[in-house]
Amino acid sequence: MKRFHVHVSVADLPASIRYYSALFDAEPTVVRDDYAKWALDDPRVNFAISNRTEKLGVDHLGIQVETDAELAEMQGRLASADLPMQSQSETNCCYATSNKHWSVDPTGIAWESFHTLGNVPTYGESRDRSAEASACCVPVQLNATPKPSTKTACCTPESGCC
């Protein structure tokens, strides 16, 4: 079963955790110094916040899947949209290791389809905190040809996502 994903960049993480905990009537399932996540069943959403960029607001949207077969299905859907796409295998980002496919919709909103494989102790090794940076591993610019998938740290120049 798929879960909708929303990642929001916030200025005040503790205040935002209080707000979203009240809104969802639930405590976060993951809390770090710079990140919090709620894995909710009602509504079925993976809602994450972080204070890792200067740009505030919705950072990216996505669909979290539970199996490799569902991820392959999502990749097929994205490919049929005839828009640029990037794939990443076993990338470490947002305190998790995931396989993922990135696309950008016609209005410029980054979309992530991903299958989480496990947890890692770091957000992502090459995270840029500059104002131009976006969420970990969000593609800054996608070319018409998808980049090859390789096992790399989050957002390294070699991964092609930054």
Protein backbone atom coordinates (compact mmCIF):
# COMPACT_ATOMS: atom_id res chain seq x y z
CA MET A 1 0.00 0.00 0.00
CA LYS A 2 1.32 3.40 -0.89
CA ARG A 3 1.73 6.35 1.47
CA PHE A 4 1.65 10.01 0.41
CA HIS A 5 4.85 11.89 1.36
CA VAL A 6 5.21 15.59 2.17
CA HIS A 7 8.47 17.25 3.24
CA VAL A 8 8.23 20.79 4.65
CA SER A 9 11.16 23.04 5.52
CA VAL A 10 10.57 24.89 8.80
CA ALA A 11 12.39 27.66 10.68
CA ASP A 12 11.64 26.51 14.26
CA LEU A 13 11.73 22.73 14.58
CA PRO A 14 10.51 22.44 18.23
CA ALA A 15 7.57 24.80 17.60
CA SER A 16 6.74 22.94 14.39
CA ILE A 17 6.89 19.57 16.18
CA ARG A 18 4.42 20.90 18.78
CA TYR A 19 2.12 22.23 16.05
CA TYR A 20 2.09 19.12 13.86
CA SER A 21 1.82 16.80 16.89
CA ALA A 22 -1.34 18.68 17.88
CA LEU A 23 -2.63 18.72 14.30
CA PHE A 24 -2.10 14.97 13.82
CA ASP A 25 -2.90 14.08 17.47
CA ALA A 26 0.29 12.01 17.44
CA GLU A 27 3.93 12.36 18.37
CA PRO A 28 6.55 12.00 15.61
CA THR A 29 7.85 8.52 14.86
CA VAL A 30 11.36 9.93 14.21
CA VAL A 31 12.92 12.98 15.90
CA ARG A 32 16.47 14.26 15.30
CA ASP A 33 18.13 17.63 15.95
CA ASP A 34 17.22 18.83 12.44
CA TYR A 35 14.35 16.55 11.38
CA ALA A 36 11.07 14.96 12.47
CA LYS A 37 8.73 12.53 10.72
CA TRP A 38 5.22 11.24 11.32
CA ALA A 39 4.25 7.93 9.68
CA LEU A 40 0.49 8.23 9.96
CA ASP A 41 -2.24 5.78 9.01
CA ASP A 42 -5.10 8.31 9.21
CA PRO A 43 -4.47 10.05 6.91
CA ARG A 44 -1.99 7.61 5.37
CA VAL A 45 0.94 9.99 5.00
CA ASN A 46 4.70 10.17 5.61
CA PHE A 47 4.95 13.79 6.78
CA ALA A 48 8.48 15.09 7.38
CA ILE A 49 9.85 18.45 8.49
CA SER A 50 13.42 19.71 8.69
CA ASN A 51 15.30 22.92 9.30
CA ARG A 52 18.14 22.22 6.89
CA THR A 53 17.47 24.96 4.31
CA GLU A 54 16.83 28.68 4.35
CA LYS A 55 13.91 28.30 1.93
CA LEU A 56 10.78 27.58 3.98
CA GLY A 57 7.61 25.78 2.94
CA VAL A 58 6.83 22.67 0.94
CA ASP A 59 10.14 21.23 -0.18
CA HIS A 60 8.97 18.20 -2.15
CA LEU A 61 6.14 15.69 -2.42
CA GLY A 62 6.20 11.99 -3.03
CA ILE A 63 4.81 8.49 -2.86
CA GLN A 64 6.36 5.97 -0.48
CA VAL A 65 5.89 2.34 -1.54
CA GLU A 66 6.35 -0.89 0.40
CA THR A 67 7.86 -3.18 -2.26
CA ASP A 68 10.31 -3.16 -5.16
CA ALA A 69 7.42 -4.15 -7.44
CA GLU A 70 5.46 -1.04 -6.43
CA LEU A 71 8.56 1.10 -7.00
CA ALA A 72 8.98 -0.37 -10.48
CA GLU A 73 5.31 0.41 -11.16
CA MET A 74 5.85 4.03 -10.05
CA GLN A 75 8.93 4.28 -12.30
CA GLY A 76 6.81 3.14 -15.24
CA ARG A 77 4.17 5.75 -14.43
CA LEU A 78 6.76 8.51 -14.26
CA ALA A 79 8.38 7.38 -17.50
CA SER A 80 5.00 7.52 -19.24
CA ALA A 81 4.67 11.20 -18.28
CA ASP A 82 7.56 11.86 -20.68
CA LEU A 83 9.33 14.17 -18.23
CA PRO A 84 12.95 13.95 -17.04
CA MET A 85 13.59 11.45 -14.26
CA GLN A 86 16.51 10.44 -12.05
CA SER A 87 16.95 7.15 -10.22
CA GLN A 88 19.00 6.43 -7.12
CA SER A 89 19.83 3.06 -5.58
CA GLU A 90 20.58 2.57 -1.90
CA THR A 91 20.97 6.28 -1.30
CA ASN A 92 21.33 7.57 2.26
CA CYS A 93 19.01 10.49 2.85
CA CYS A 94 16.65 11.73 5.58
CA TYR A 95 17.99 9.18 8.08
CA ALA A 96 17.07 6.30 5.79
CA THR A 97 18.49 4.18 2.97
CA SER A 98 16.13 4.07 0.01
CA ASN A 99 15.79 3.25 -3.65
CA LYS A 100 14.06 6.15 -5.37
CA HIS A 101 13.01 7.83 -8.56
CA TRP A 102 12.83 11.63 -8.82
CA SER A 103 10.85 13.68 -11.26
CA VAL A 104 9.81 17.29 -11.52
CA ASP A 105 6.27 18.14 -12.58
CA PRO A 106 5.62 20.77 -15.26
CA THR A 107 5.33 23.51 -12.61
CA GLY A 108 8.71 22.66 -11.04
CA ILE A 109 7.56 20.69 -7.97
CA ALA A 110 9.96 17.86 -7.14
CA TRP A 111 8.32 14.44 -6.68
CA GLU A 112 10.01 11.45 -5.08
CA SER A 113 8.87 7.83 -5.43
CA PHE A 114 10.76 5.69 -2.94
CA HIS A 115 11.09 2.35 -1.16
CA THR A 116 12.76 2.62 2.26
CA LEU A 117 15.24 -0.18 2.92
CA GLY A 118 16.40 0.77 6.44
CA ASN A 119 17.51 3.51 8.81
CA VAL A 120 20.89 5.29 8.91
CA PRO A 121 22.30 7.57 11.65
CA THR A 122 22.89 10.62 9.41
CA TYR A 123 20.60 12.88 7.40
CA GLY A 124 22.83 12.74 4.31
CA GLU A 125 26.57 13.21 4.13
CA SER A 126 26.73 16.01 1.55
CA ARG A 127 23.85 18.20 2.65
CA ASP A 128 24.21 21.86 1.59
CA ARG A 129 22.72 24.39 4.00
CA SER A 130 22.82 27.29 1.53
CA ALA A 131 19.67 29.21 0.56
CA GLU A 132 19.69 27.59 -2.88
CA ALA A 133 19.70 24.07 -1.48
CA SER A 134 16.59 21.95 -1.47
CA ALA A 135 15.69 18.85 0.51
CA CYS A 136 18.21 16.05 0.66
CA CYS A 137 18.60 14.46 -2.76
CA VAL A 138 15.95 16.54 -4.50
CA PRO A 139 17.21 17.03 -8.04
CA VAL A 140 18.15 20.63 -8.68
CA GLN A 141 18.03 20.20 -12.44
CA LEU A 142 16.93 17.18 -14.43
CA ASN A 143 18.21 16.56 -17.93
CA ALA A 144 16.06 14.91 -20.57
CA THR A 145 18.07 11.70 -20.17
CA PRO A 146 17.91 10.02 -16.74
CA LYS A 147 21.24 9.65 -15.01
CA PRO A 148 22.50 6.13 -14.28
CA SER A 149 21.72 4.74 -10.86
CA THR A 150 24.69 4.21 -8.55
CA LYS A 151 25.13 3.58 -4.84
CA THR A 152 26.28 6.96 -3.49
CA ALA A 153 25.91 9.25 -0.54
CA CYS A 154 23.08 11.75 -0.65
CA CYS A 155 23.47 14.63 -3.06
CA THR A 156 27.07 14.18 -4.12
CA PRO A 157 28.09 15.60 -7.50
CA GLU A 158 28.60 11.98 -8.64
CA SER A 159 24.96 11.09 -7.86
CA GLY A 160 23.73 13.72 -10.30
CA CYS A 161 21.08 15.08 -7.95
CA CYS A 162 22.85 18.28 -6.90
